[in-house]
């Protein structure tokens, strides 16, 4: 067991590569299947804080829900965007790897190596 958590989608190649890289480093992170498990407003706010990102930066702009809901529109505030991500977790960029109070996006997967030197 380790103090790492990965927001993981097993169908995503980058997510699988990131998990494999963590495993190669001897790390067995807690796997959070964010498409299946419950996300909360507080949870996503905490993740965004650890990533040092705004909600808009974490959105997958190519997803149908993004286009259908016109999420590029500036009328949506941060809480609105987080609520969209809770309702449609496919909108969340992946994978996210967290270690204590820091987090990185595993795009590219090598980004997670930063967490080993923090």
PDB file of N, CA and C in Angstrom:
ATOM      1  N   UNK A   1       0.849  -1.189   0.000  1.00  0.00           N
ATOM      2  CA  UNK A   1       0.000   0.000   0.000  1.00  0.00           C
ATOM      3  C   UNK A   1       0.885   1.239   0.000  1.00  0.00           C
ATOM      4  N   UNK A   2       0.380   2.308  -0.564  1.00  0.00           N
ATOM      5  CA  UNK A   2       1.143   3.549  -0.600  1.00  0.00           C
ATOM      6  C   UNK A   2       0.216   4.716  -0.306  1.00  0.00           C
ATOM      7  N   UNK A   3       0.793   5.903  -0.292  1.00  0.00           N
ATOM      8  CA  UNK A   3      -0.008   7.100  -0.052  1.00  0.00           C
ATOM      9  C   UNK A   3      -0.383   7.775  -1.368  1.00  0.00           C
ATOM     10  N   UNK A   4      -0.447   7.013  -2.440  1.00  0.00           N
ATOM     11  CA  UNK A   4      -0.865   7.513  -3.746  1.00  0.00           C
ATOM     12  C   UNK A   4      -2.303   7.086  -4.024  1.00  0.00           C
ATOM     13  N   UNK A   5      -3.021   7.949  -4.739  1.00  0.00           N
ATOM     14  CA  UNK A   5      -4.371   7.642  -5.231  1.00  0.00           C
ATOM     15  C   UNK A   5      -4.369   7.972  -6.716  1.00  0.00           C
ATOM     16  N   UNK A   6      -4.968   7.104  -7.517  1.00  0.00           N
ATOM     17  CA  UNK A   6      -5.111   7.393  -8.942  1.00  0.00           C
ATOM     18  C   UNK A   6      -6.586   7.403  -9.293  1.00  0.00           C
ATOM     19  N   UNK A   7      -7.015   8.490  -9.914  1.00  0.00           N
ATOM     20  CA  UNK A   7      -8.358   8.567 -10.498  1.00  0.00           C
ATOM     21  C   UNK A   7      -8.223   7.897 -11.852  1.00  0.00           C
ATOM     22  N   UNK A   8      -8.737   6.696 -11.929  1.00  0.00           N
ATOM     23  CA  UNK A   8      -8.396   5.774 -13.004  1.00  0.00           C
ATOM     24  C   UNK A   8      -9.603   5.400 -13.844  1.00  0.00           C
ATOM     25  N   UNK A   9      -9.360   5.317 -15.159  1.00  0.00           N
ATOM     26  CA  UNK A   9     -10.323   4.769 -16.104  1.00  0.00           C
ATOM     27  C   UNK A   9      -9.598   3.643 -16.830  1.00  0.00           C
ATOM     28  N   UNK A  10      -9.910   2.387 -16.516  1.00  0.00           N
ATOM     29  CA  UNK A  10      -9.189   1.260 -17.113  1.00  0.00           C
ATOM     30  C   UNK A  10      -9.288   1.198 -18.640  1.00  0.00           C
ATOM     31  N   UNK A  11     -10.257   1.879 -19.227  1.00  0.00           N
ATOM     32  CA  UNK A  11     -10.417   1.866 -20.686  1.00  0.00           C
ATOM     33  C   UNK A  11      -9.516   2.895 -21.376  1.00  0.00           C
ATOM     34  N   UNK A  12      -8.882   3.756 -20.604  1.00  0.00           N
ATOM     35  CA  UNK A  12      -8.027   4.821 -21.139  1.00  0.00           C
ATOM     36  C   UNK A  12      -6.564   4.356 -21.160  1.00  0.00           C
ATOM     37  N   UNK A  13      -5.940   4.433 -22.327  1.00  0.00           N
ATOM     38  CA  UNK A  13      -4.557   3.975 -22.443  1.00  0.00           C
ATOM     39  C   UNK A  13      -3.600   4.802 -21.574  1.00  0.00           C
ATOM     40  N   UNK A  14      -3.801   6.113 -21.511  1.00  0.00           N
ATOM     41  CA  UNK A  14      -2.923   6.953 -20.675  1.00  0.00           C
ATOM     42  C   UNK A  14      -3.083   6.608 -19.203  1.00  0.00           C
ATOM     43  N   UNK A  15      -4.294   6.298 -18.801  1.00  0.00           N
ATOM     44  CA  UNK A  15      -4.546   5.912 -17.417  1.00  0.00           C
ATOM     45  C   UNK A  15      -3.859   4.573 -17.115  1.00  0.00           C
ATOM     46  N   UNK A  16      -3.962   3.628 -18.023  1.00  0.00           N
ATOM     47  CA  UNK A  16      -3.298   2.322 -17.834  1.00  0.00           C
ATOM     48  C   UNK A  16      -1.778   2.490 -17.809  1.00  0.00           C
ATOM     49  N   UNK A  17      -1.249   3.334 -18.694  1.00  0.00           N
ATOM     50  CA  UNK A  17       0.202   3.568 -18.734  1.00  0.00           C
ATOM     51  C   UNK A  17       0.685   4.235 -17.443  1.00  0.00           C
ATOM     52  N   UNK A  18      -0.105   5.165 -16.940  1.00  0.00           N
ATOM     53  CA  UNK A  18       0.254   5.851 -15.702  1.00  0.00           C
ATOM     54  C   UNK A  18       0.263   4.880 -14.534  1.00  0.00           C
ATOM     55  N   UNK A  19      -0.758   4.033 -14.449  1.00  0.00           N
ATOM     56  CA  UNK A  19      -0.810   3.030 -13.387  1.00  0.00           C
ATOM     57  C   UNK A  19       0.375   2.071 -13.493  1.00  0.00           C
ATOM     58  N   UNK A  20       0.716   1.651 -14.698  1.00  0.00           N
ATOM     59  CA  UNK A  20       1.855   0.754 -14.900  1.00  0.00           C
ATOM     60  C   UNK A  20       3.152   1.418 -14.456  1.00  0.00           C
ATOM     61  N   UNK A  21       3.319   2.688 -14.757  1.00  0.00           N
ATOM     62  CA  UNK A  21       4.516   3.420 -14.354  1.00  0.00           C
ATOM     63  C   UNK A  21       4.612   3.498 -12.833  1.00  0.00           C
ATOM     64  N   UNK A  22       3.495   3.762 -12.171  1.00  0.00           N
ATOM     65  CA  UNK A  22       3.487   3.778 -10.709  1.00  0.00           C
ATOM     66  C   UNK A  22       3.881   2.410 -10.160  1.00  0.00           C
ATOM     67  N   UNK A  23       3.327   1.359 -10.737  1.00  0.00           N
ATOM     68  CA  UNK A  23       3.650   0.000 -10.300  1.00  0.00           C
ATOM     69  C   UNK A  23       5.129  -0.319 -10.509  1.00  0.00           C
ATOM     70  N   UNK A  24       5.693   0.127 -11.632  1.00  0.00           N
ATOM     71  CA  UNK A  24       7.129  -0.081 -11.903  1.00  0.00           C
ATOM     72  C   UNK A  24       7.995   0.584 -10.846  1.00  0.00           C
ATOM     73  N   UNK A  25       7.494   1.667 -10.292  1.00  0.00           N
ATOM     74  CA  UNK A  25       8.223   2.399  -9.244  1.00  0.00           C
ATOM     75  C   UNK A  25       7.988   1.781  -7.860  1.00  0.00           C
ATOM     76  N   UNK A  26       7.295   0.629  -7.828  1.00  0.00           N
ATOM     77  CA  UNK A  26       7.040  -0.046  -6.559  1.00  0.00           C
ATOM     78  C   UNK A  26       5.862   0.524  -5.806  1.00  0.00           C
ATOM     79  N   UNK A  27       5.048   1.303  -6.473  1.00  0.00           N
ATOM     80  CA  UNK A  27       3.907   1.961  -5.850  1.00  0.00           C
ATOM     81  C   UNK A  27       2.622   1.222  -6.221  1.00  0.00           C
ATOM     82  N   UNK A  28       1.833   0.926  -5.232  1.00  0.00           N
ATOM     83  CA  UNK A  28       0.515   0.336  -5.464  1.00  0.00           C
ATOM     84  C   UNK A  28      -0.531   1.329  -4.965  1.00  0.00           C
ATOM     85  N   UNK A  29      -0.940   2.242  -5.843  1.00  0.00           N
ATOM     86  CA  UNK A  29      -1.863   3.298  -5.413  1.00  0.00           C
ATOM     87  C   UNK A  29      -3.257   2.757  -5.137  1.00  0.00           C
ATOM     88  N   UNK A  30      -3.972   3.503  -4.320  1.00  0.00           N
ATOM     89  CA  UNK A  30      -5.400   3.233  -4.171  1.00  0.00           C
ATOM     90  C   UNK A  30      -6.040   3.660  -5.489  1.00  0.00           C
ATOM     91  N   UNK A  31      -6.837   2.777  -6.060  1.00  0.00           N
ATOM     92  CA  UNK A  31      -7.467   3.070  -7.349  1.00  0.00           C
ATOM     93  C   UNK A  31      -8.886   3.565  -7.107  1.00  0.00           C
ATOM     94  N   UNK A  32      -9.144   4.764  -7.589  1.00  0.00           N
ATOM     95  CA  UNK A  32     -10.471   5.358  -7.505  1.00  0.00           C
ATOM     96  C   UNK A  32     -11.059   5.353  -8.909  1.00  0.00           C
ATOM     97  N   UNK A  33     -12.046   4.502  -9.115  1.00  0.00           N
ATOM     98  CA  UNK A  33     -12.702   4.396 -10.421  1.00  0.00           C
ATOM     99  C   UNK A  33     -13.757   5.497 -10.514  1.00  0.00           C
ATOM    100  N   UNK A  34     -13.306   6.671 -10.893  1.00  0.00           N
ATOM    101  CA  UNK A  34     -14.152   7.870 -10.813  1.00  0.00           C
ATOM    102  C   UNK A  34     -15.384   7.815 -11.707  1.00  0.00           C
ATOM    103  N   UNK A  35     -15.398   6.947 -12.716  1.00  0.00           N
ATOM    104  CA  UNK A  35     -16.594   6.819 -13.559  1.00  0.00           C
ATOM    105  C   UNK A  35     -17.672   5.977 -12.880  1.00  0.00           C
ATOM    106  N   UNK A  36     -17.278   5.212 -11.852  1.00  0.00           N
ATOM    107  CA  UNK A  36     -18.208   4.319 -11.169  1.00  0.00           C
ATOM    108  C   UNK A  36     -18.501   4.747  -9.728  1.00  0.00           C
ATOM    109  N   UNK A  37     -17.508   5.342  -9.073  1.00  0.00           N
ATOM    110  CA  UNK A  37     -17.651   5.718  -7.672  1.00  0.00           C
ATOM    111  C   UNK A  37     -18.160   7.152  -7.556  1.00  0.00           C
ATOM    112  N   UNK A  38     -18.752   7.452  -6.424  1.00  0.00           N
ATOM    113  CA  UNK A  38     -19.379   8.762  -6.230  1.00  0.00           C
ATOM    114  C   UNK A  38     -18.352   9.878  -6.077  1.00  0.00           C
ATOM    115  N   UNK A  39     -18.561  10.929  -6.824  1.00  0.00           N
ATOM    116  CA  UNK A  39     -17.785  12.159  -6.706  1.00  0.00           C
ATOM    117  C   UNK A  39     -18.640  13.195  -5.991  1.00  0.00           C
ATOM    118  N   UNK A  40     -18.017  14.018  -5.182  1.00  0.00           N
ATOM    119  CA  UNK A  40     -18.742  15.085  -4.489  1.00  0.00           C
ATOM    120  C   UNK A  40     -18.111  16.430  -4.834  1.00  0.00           C
ATOM    121  N   UNK A  41     -18.859  17.476  -4.579  1.00  0.00           N
ATOM    122  CA  UNK A  41     -18.363  18.828  -4.788  1.00  0.00           C
ATOM    123  C   UNK A  41     -17.086  19.067  -3.977  1.00  0.00           C
ATOM    124  N   UNK A  42     -17.111  18.672  -2.718  1.00  0.00           N
ATOM    125  CA  UNK A  42     -15.949  18.868  -1.843  1.00  0.00           C
ATOM    126  C   UNK A  42     -14.746  18.086  -2.353  1.00  0.00           C
ATOM    127  N   UNK A  43     -15.002  16.849  -2.794  1.00  0.00           N
ATOM    128  CA  UNK A  43     -13.938  15.996  -3.306  1.00  0.00           C
ATOM    129  C   UNK A  43     -13.259  16.637  -4.511  1.00  0.00           C
ATOM    130  N   UNK A  44     -14.053  17.088  -5.473  1.00  0.00           N
ATOM    131  CA  UNK A  44     -13.461  17.681  -6.681  1.00  0.00           C
ATOM    132  C   UNK A  44     -12.775  19.007  -6.385  1.00  0.00           C
ATOM    133  N   UNK A  45     -13.318  19.783  -5.477  1.00  0.00           N
ATOM    134  CA  UNK A  45     -12.656  21.033  -5.096  1.00  0.00           C
ATOM    135  C   UNK A  45     -11.283  20.741  -4.499  1.00  0.00           C
ATOM    136  N   UNK A  46     -11.212  19.719  -3.671  1.00  0.00           N
ATOM    137  CA  UNK A  46      -9.940  19.327  -3.053  1.00  0.00           C
ATOM    138  C   UNK A  46      -8.940  18.855  -4.111  1.00  0.00           C
ATOM    139  N   UNK A  47      -9.409  18.062  -5.058  1.00  0.00           N
ATOM    140  CA  UNK A  47      -8.542  17.581  -6.139  1.00  0.00           C
ATOM    141  C   UNK A  47      -8.024  18.760  -6.963  1.00  0.00           C
ATOM    142  N   UNK A  48      -8.900  19.684  -7.307  1.00  0.00           N
ATOM    143  CA  UNK A  48      -8.495  20.862  -8.079  1.00  0.00           C
ATOM    144  C   UNK A  48      -7.461  21.691  -7.323  1.00  0.00           C
ATOM    145  N   UNK A  49      -7.643  21.813  -6.021  1.00  0.00           N
ATOM    146  CA  UNK A  49      -6.679  22.563  -5.212  1.00  0.00           C
ATOM    147  C   UNK A  49      -5.317  21.867  -5.238  1.00  0.00           C
ATOM    148  N   UNK A  50      -5.316  20.541  -5.104  1.00  0.00           N
ATOM    149  CA  UNK A  50      -4.055  19.797  -5.127  1.00  0.00           C
ATOM    150  C   UNK A  50      -3.390  19.866  -6.496  1.00  0.00           C
ATOM    151  N   UNK A  51      -4.200  19.922  -7.550  1.00  0.00           N
ATOM    152  CA  UNK A  51      -3.667  20.065  -8.904  1.00  0.00           C
ATOM    153  C   UNK A  51      -3.232  21.495  -9.202  1.00  0.00           C
ATOM    154  N   UNK A  52      -3.707  22.432  -8.386  1.00  0.00           N
ATOM    155  CA  UNK A  52      -3.496  23.861  -8.627  1.00  0.00           C
ATOM    156  C   UNK A  52      -4.072  24.252  -9.994  1.00  0.00           C
ATOM    157  N   UNK A  53      -5.322  23.810 -10.223  1.00  0.00           N
ATOM    158  CA  UNK A  53      -5.997  24.044 -11.499  1.00  0.00           C
ATOM    159  C   UNK A  53      -7.381  24.625 -11.259  1.00  0.00           C
ATOM    160  N   UNK A  54      -7.871  25.302 -12.278  1.00  0.00           N
ATOM    161  CA  UNK A  54      -9.244  25.776 -12.297  1.00  0.00           C
ATOM    162  C   UNK A  54     -10.106  24.670 -12.915  1.00  0.00           C
ATOM    163  N   UNK A  55     -11.392  24.600 -12.558  1.00  0.00           N
ATOM    164  CA  UNK A  55     -12.271  23.564 -13.128  1.00  0.00           C
ATOM    165  C   UNK A  55     -12.251  23.520 -14.653  1.00  0.00           C
ATOM    166  N   UNK A  56     -12.255  24.664 -15.277  1.00  0.00           N
ATOM    167  CA  UNK A  56     -12.274  24.709 -16.745  1.00  0.00           C
ATOM    168  C   UNK A  56     -11.051  23.996 -17.335  1.00  0.00           C
ATOM    169  N   UNK A  57      -9.913  24.052 -16.628  1.00  0.00           N
ATOM    170  CA  UNK A  57      -8.677  23.425 -17.112  1.00  0.00           C
ATOM    171  C   UNK A  57      -8.719  21.900 -17.027  1.00  0.00           C
ATOM    172  N   UNK A  58      -9.637  21.368 -16.251  1.00  0.00           N
ATOM    173  CA  UNK A  58      -9.732  19.923 -16.054  1.00  0.00           C
ATOM    174  C   UNK A  58     -10.775  19.273 -16.959  1.00  0.00           C
ATOM    175  N   UNK A  59     -11.451  20.089 -17.746  1.00  0.00           N
ATOM    176  CA  UNK A  59     -12.500  19.568 -18.628  1.00  0.00           C
ATOM    177  C   UNK A  59     -11.917  18.969 -19.903  1.00  0.00           C
ATOM    178  N   UNK A  60     -12.491  17.850 -20.315  1.00  0.00           N
ATOM    179  CA  UNK A  60     -12.161  17.225 -21.600  1.00  0.00           C
ATOM    180  C   UNK A  60     -13.049  17.874 -22.661  1.00  0.00           C
ATOM    181  N   UNK A  61     -12.449  18.754 -23.414  1.00  0.00           N
ATOM    182  CA  UNK A  61     -13.216  19.581 -24.352  1.00  0.00           C
ATOM    183  C   UNK A  61     -13.739  18.819 -25.564  1.00  0.00           C
ATOM    184  N   UNK A  62     -13.247  17.631 -25.813  1.00  0.00           N
ATOM    185  CA  UNK A  62     -13.712  16.845 -26.946  1.00  0.00           C
ATOM    186  C   UNK A  62     -14.920  15.976 -26.645  1.00  0.00           C
ATOM    187  N   UNK A  63     -15.326  15.915 -25.377  1.00  0.00           N
ATOM    188  CA  UNK A  63     -16.449  15.066 -24.980  1.00  0.00           C
ATOM    189  C   UNK A  63     -17.776  15.641 -25.454  1.00  0.00           C
ATOM    190  N   UNK A  64     -18.696  14.754 -25.765  1.00  0.00           N
ATOM    191  CA  UNK A  64     -20.027  15.139 -26.233  1.00  0.00           C
ATOM    192  C   UNK A  64     -20.740  16.041 -25.213  1.00  0.00           C
ATOM    193  N   UNK A  65     -20.624  15.699 -23.916  1.00  0.00           N
ATOM    194  CA  UNK A  65     -21.288  16.495 -22.878  1.00  0.00           C
ATOM    195  C   UNK A  65     -20.756  17.927 -22.846  1.00  0.00           C
ATOM    196  N   UNK A  66     -19.487  18.102 -23.147  1.00  0.00           N
ATOM    197  CA  UNK A  66     -18.893  19.434 -23.185  1.00  0.00           C
ATOM    198  C   UNK A  66     -19.549  20.263 -24.290  1.00  0.00           C
ATOM    199  N   UNK A  67     -19.634  19.666 -25.459  1.00  0.00           N
ATOM    200  CA  UNK A  67     -20.205  20.368 -26.609  1.00  0.00           C
ATOM    201  C   UNK A  67     -21.704  20.576 -26.442  1.00  0.00           C
ATOM    202  N   UNK A  68     -22.393  19.528 -26.017  1.00  0.00           N
ATOM    203  CA  UNK A  68     -23.853  19.580 -25.898  1.00  0.00           C
ATOM    204  C   UNK A  68     -24.299  20.625 -24.875  1.00  0.00           C
ATOM    205  N   UNK A  69     -23.533  20.769 -23.804  1.00  0.00           N
ATOM    206  CA  UNK A  69     -23.884  21.723 -22.751  1.00  0.00           C
ATOM    207  C   UNK A  69     -23.227  23.088 -22.938  1.00  0.00           C
ATOM    208  N   UNK A  70     -22.509  23.271 -24.057  1.00  0.00           N
ATOM    209  CA  UNK A  70     -21.864  24.538 -24.373  1.00  0.00           C
ATOM    210  C   UNK A  70     -20.997  25.033 -23.208  1.00  0.00           C
ATOM    211  N   UNK A  71     -20.169  24.127 -22.675  1.00  0.00           N
ATOM    212  CA  UNK A  71     -19.365  24.464 -21.498  1.00  0.00           C
ATOM    213  C   UNK A  71     -18.234  25.437 -21.788  1.00  0.00           C
ATOM    214  N   UNK A  72     -18.006  25.749 -23.046  1.00  0.00           N
ATOM    215  CA  UNK A  72     -17.012  26.775 -23.361  1.00  0.00           C
ATOM    216  C   UNK A  72     -17.545  28.168 -23.036  1.00  0.00           C
ATOM    217  N   UNK A  73     -18.838  28.270 -22.799  1.00  0.00           N
ATOM    218  CA  UNK A  73     -19.487  29.542 -22.493  1.00  0.00           C
ATOM    219  C   UNK A  73     -19.020  30.053 -21.131  1.00  0.00           C
ATOM    220  N   UNK A  74     -18.623  31.313 -21.084  1.00  0.00           N
ATOM    221  CA  UNK A  74     -18.123  31.919 -19.842  1.00  0.00           C
ATOM    222  C   UNK A  74     -19.209  32.135 -18.791  1.00  0.00           C
ATOM    223  N   UNK A  75     -20.464  31.877 -19.138  1.00  0.00           N
ATOM    224  CA  UNK A  75     -21.540  32.086 -18.164  1.00  0.00           C
ATOM    225  C   UNK A  75     -21.463  31.083 -17.007  1.00  0.00           C
ATOM    226  N   UNK A  76     -20.748  29.988 -17.193  1.00  0.00           N
ATOM    227  CA  UNK A  76     -20.641  28.977 -16.140  1.00  0.00           C
ATOM    228  C   UNK A  76     -19.512  29.341 -15.181  1.00  0.00           C
ATOM    229  N   UNK A  77     -19.855  29.374 -13.886  1.00  0.00           N
ATOM    230  CA  UNK A  77     -18.825  29.645 -12.888  1.00  0.00           C
ATOM    231  C   UNK A  77     -18.160  28.326 -12.478  1.00  0.00           C
ATOM    232  N   UNK A  78     -17.171  28.403 -11.610  1.00  0.00           N
ATOM    233  CA  UNK A  78     -16.421  27.212 -11.209  1.00  0.00           C
ATOM    234  C   UNK A  78     -17.313  26.141 -10.602  1.00  0.00           C
ATOM    235  N   UNK A  79     -18.234  26.544  -9.737  1.00  0.00           N
ATOM    236  CA  UNK A  79     -19.114  25.567  -9.108  1.00  0.00           C
ATOM    237  C   UNK A  79     -20.030  24.897 -10.137  1.00  0.00           C
ATOM    238  N   UNK A  80     -20.504  25.667 -11.109  1.00  0.00           N
ATOM    239  CA  UNK A  80     -21.306  25.085 -12.195  1.00  0.00           C
ATOM    240  C   UNK A  80     -20.512  23.999 -12.918  1.00  0.00           C
ATOM    241  N   UNK A  81     -19.264  24.321 -13.257  1.00  0.00           N
ATOM    242  CA  UNK A  81     -18.426  23.382 -13.993  1.00  0.00           C
ATOM    243  C   UNK A  81     -18.138  22.127 -13.174  1.00  0.00           C
ATOM    244  N   UNK A  82     -17.889  22.300 -11.886  1.00  0.00           N
ATOM    245  CA  UNK A  82     -17.657  21.142 -11.017  1.00  0.00           C
ATOM    246  C   UNK A  82     -18.908  20.277 -10.970  1.00  0.00           C
ATOM    247  N   UNK A  83     -20.061  20.906 -10.878  1.00  0.00           N
ATOM    248  CA  UNK A  83     -21.311  20.130 -10.856  1.00  0.00           C
ATOM    249  C   UNK A  83     -21.532  19.366 -12.162  1.00  0.00           C
ATOM    250  N   UNK A  84     -21.138  19.946 -13.286  1.00  0.00           N
ATOM    251  CA  UNK A  84     -21.200  19.216 -14.556  1.00  0.00           C
ATOM    252  C   UNK A  84     -20.277  17.999 -14.513  1.00  0.00           C
ATOM    253  N   UNK A  85     -19.080  18.165 -13.935  1.00  0.00           N
ATOM    254  CA  UNK A  85     -18.135  17.053 -13.845  1.00  0.00           C
ATOM    255  C   UNK A  85     -18.663  15.943 -12.939  1.00  0.00           C
ATOM    256  N   UNK A  86     -19.374  16.318 -11.886  1.00  0.00           N
ATOM    257  CA  UNK A  86     -19.965  15.325 -10.988  1.00  0.00           C
ATOM    258  C   UNK A  86     -21.055  14.551 -11.731  1.00  0.00           C
ATOM    259  N   UNK A  87     -21.876  15.274 -12.464  1.00  0.00           N
ATOM    260  CA  UNK A  87     -22.976  14.643 -13.199  1.00  0.00           C
ATOM    261  C   UNK A  87     -22.472  13.827 -14.392  1.00  0.00           C
ATOM    262  N   UNK A  88     -21.403  14.308 -15.025  1.00  0.00           N
ATOM    263  CA  UNK A  88     -20.824  13.657 -16.212  1.00  0.00           C
ATOM    264  C   UNK A  88     -19.320  13.470 -15.983  1.00  0.00           C
ATOM    265  N   UNK A  89     -18.912  12.466 -15.209  1.00  0.00           N
ATOM    266  CA  UNK A  89     -17.484  12.322 -14.883  1.00  0.00           C
ATOM    267  C   UNK A  89     -16.579  12.082 -16.091  1.00  0.00           C
ATOM    268  N   UNK A  90     -17.161  11.706 -17.232  1.00  0.00           N
ATOM    269  CA  UNK A  90     -16.340  11.570 -18.440  1.00  0.00           C
ATOM    270  C   UNK A  90     -15.710  12.899 -18.833  1.00  0.00           C
ATOM    271  N   UNK A  91     -16.253  14.006 -18.325  1.00  0.00           N
ATOM    272  CA  UNK A  91     -15.711  15.325 -18.618  1.00  0.00           C
ATOM    273  C   UNK A  91     -14.365  15.582 -17.942  1.00  0.00           C
ATOM    274  N   UNK A  92     -14.022  14.777 -16.954  1.00  0.00           N
ATOM    275  CA  UNK A  92     -12.800  15.001 -16.172  1.00  0.00           C
ATOM    276  C   UNK A  92     -11.595  14.439 -16.914  1.00  0.00           C
ATOM    277  N   UNK A  93     -10.589  15.291 -17.087  1.00  0.00           N
ATOM    278  CA  UNK A  93      -9.338  14.847 -17.702  1.00  0.00           C
ATOM    279  C   UNK A  93      -8.716  13.781 -16.815  1.00  0.00           C
ATOM    280  N   UNK A  94      -8.070  12.818 -17.420  1.00  0.00           N
ATOM    281  CA  UNK A  94      -7.541  11.679 -16.680  1.00  0.00           C
ATOM    282  C   UNK A  94      -6.179  11.294 -17.216  1.00  0.00           C
ATOM    283  N   UNK A  95      -5.481  10.521 -16.420  1.00  0.00           N
ATOM    284  CA  UNK A  95      -5.707  10.187 -15.023  1.00  0.00           C
ATOM    285  C   UNK A  95      -5.176  11.281 -14.110  1.00  0.00           C
ATOM    286  N   UNK A  96      -5.695  11.309 -12.914  1.00  0.00           N
ATOM    287  CA  UNK A  96      -5.206  12.216 -11.877  1.00  0.00           C
ATOM    288  C   UNK A  96      -4.528  11.344 -10.833  1.00  0.00           C
ATOM    289  N   UNK A  97      -3.323  11.726 -10.444  1.00  0.00           N
ATOM    290  CA  UNK A  97      -2.602  10.987  -9.404  1.00  0.00           C
ATOM    291  C   UNK A  97      -2.336  11.955  -8.259  1.00  0.00           C
ATOM    292  N   UNK A  98      -2.682  11.505  -7.063  1.00  0.00           N
ATOM    293  CA  UNK A  98      -2.550  12.329  -5.867  1.00  0.00           C
ATOM    294  C   UNK A  98      -1.575  11.661  -4.900  1.00  0.00           C
ATOM    295  N   UNK A  99      -0.722  12.466  -4.336  1.00  0.00           N
ATOM    296  CA  UNK A  99       0.152  12.032  -3.240  1.00  0.00           C
ATOM    297  C   UNK A  99       0.068  13.115  -2.169  1.00  0.00           C
ATOM    298  N   UNK A 100      -0.566  12.755  -1.068  1.00  0.00           N
ATOM    299  CA  UNK A 100      -0.748  13.666   0.057  1.00  0.00           C
ATOM    300  C   UNK A 100      -1.459  14.938  -0.397  1.00  0.00           C
ATOM    301  N   UNK A 101      -0.772  16.093  -0.371  1.00  0.00           N
ATOM    302  CA  UNK A 101      -1.465  17.338  -0.737  1.00  0.00           C
ATOM    303  C   UNK A 101      -1.054  17.872  -2.109  1.00  0.00           C
ATOM    304  N   UNK A 102      -0.481  17.009  -2.942  1.00  0.00           N
ATOM    305  CA  UNK A 102      -0.096  17.374  -4.305  1.00  0.00           C
ATOM    306  C   UNK A 102      -0.742  16.403  -5.282  1.00  0.00           C
ATOM    307  N   UNK A 103      -0.963  16.876  -6.499  1.00  0.00           N
ATOM    308  CA  UNK A 103      -1.539  16.023  -7.536  1.00  0.00           C
ATOM    309  C   UNK A 103      -1.028  16.474  -8.896  1.00  0.00           C
ATOM    310  N   UNK A 104      -1.026  15.522  -9.843  1.00  0.00           N
ATOM    311  CA  UNK A 104      -0.653  15.816 -11.226  1.00  0.00           C
ATOM    312  C   UNK A 104      -1.577  15.048 -12.154  1.00  0.00           C
ATOM    313  N   UNK A 105      -1.683  15.555 -13.373  1.00  0.00           N
ATOM    314  CA  UNK A 105      -2.359  14.820 -14.436  1.00  0.00           C
ATOM    315  C   UNK A 105      -1.339  13.889 -15.072  1.00  0.00           C
ATOM    316  N   UNK A 106      -1.745  12.681 -15.336  1.00  0.00           N
ATOM    317  CA  UNK A 106      -0.866  11.710 -15.974  1.00  0.00           C
ATOM    318  C   UNK A 106      -0.879  11.844 -17.484  1.00  0.00           C
ATOM    319  N   UNK A 107      -0.756  13.039 -17.978  1.00  0.00           N
ATOM    320  CA  UNK A 107      -0.684  13.316 -19.414  1.00  0.00           C
ATOM    321  C   UNK A 107       0.489  14.245 -19.651  1.00  0.00           C
ATOM    322  N   UNK A 108       1.600  13.730 -20.058  1.00  0.00           N
ATOM    323  CA  UNK A 108       1.911  12.336 -20.310  1.00  0.00           C
ATOM    324  C   UNK A 108       2.096  11.571 -19.006  1.00  0.00           C
ATOM    325  N   UNK A 109       2.093  10.247 -19.076  1.00  0.00           N
ATOM    326  CA  UNK A 109       2.205   9.443 -17.862  1.00  0.00           C
ATOM    327  C   UNK A 109       3.426   9.796 -17.006  1.00  0.00           C
ATOM    328  N   UNK A 110       4.507  10.224 -17.636  1.00  0.00           N
ATOM    329  CA  UNK A 110       5.737  10.554 -16.908  1.00  0.00           C
ATOM    330  C   UNK A 110       5.551  11.717 -15.935  1.00  0.00           C
ATOM    331  N   UNK A 111       4.479  12.472 -16.077  1.00  0.00           N
ATOM    332  CA  UNK A 111       4.203  13.564 -15.122  1.00  0.00           C
ATOM    333  C   UNK A 111       4.157  13.055 -13.688  1.00  0.00           C
ATOM    334  N   UNK A 112       3.731  11.806 -13.498  1.00  0.00           N
ATOM    335  CA  UNK A 112       3.603  11.288 -12.126  1.00  0.00           C
ATOM    336  C   UNK A 112       4.947  11.174 -11.430  1.00  0.00           C
ATOM    337  N   UNK A 113       6.034  11.137 -12.178  1.00  0.00           N
ATOM    338  CA  UNK A 113       7.358  11.038 -11.563  1.00  0.00           C
ATOM    339  C   UNK A 113       7.659  12.250 -10.686  1.00  0.00           C
ATOM    340  N   UNK A 114       7.002  13.388 -10.983  1.00  0.00           N
ATOM    341  CA  UNK A 114       7.174  14.594 -10.178  1.00  0.00           C
ATOM    342  C   UNK A 114       6.758  14.362  -8.729  1.00  0.00           C
ATOM    343  N   UNK A 115       5.784  13.472  -8.532  1.00  0.00           N
ATOM    344  CA  UNK A 115       5.280  13.217  -7.173  1.00  0.00           C
ATOM    345  C   UNK A 115       6.286  12.441  -6.325  1.00  0.00           C
ATOM    346  N   UNK A 116       7.249  11.790  -6.946  1.00  0.00           N
ATOM    347  CA  UNK A 116       8.239  11.034  -6.204  1.00  0.00           C
ATOM    348  C   UNK A 116       9.343  11.925  -5.652  1.00  0.00           C
ATOM    349  N   UNK A 117       9.441  13.151  -6.163  1.00  0.00           N
ATOM    350  CA  UNK A 117      10.480  14.067  -5.677  1.00  0.00           C
ATOM    351  C   UNK A 117       9.900  15.210  -4.848  1.00  0.00           C
ATOM    352  N   UNK A 118       8.580  15.188  -4.652  1.00  0.00           N
ATOM    353  CA  UNK A 118       7.923  16.257  -3.868  1.00  0.00           C
ATOM    354  C   UNK A 118       7.991  15.924  -2.399  1.00  0.00           C
TER     355      UNK A 118
END
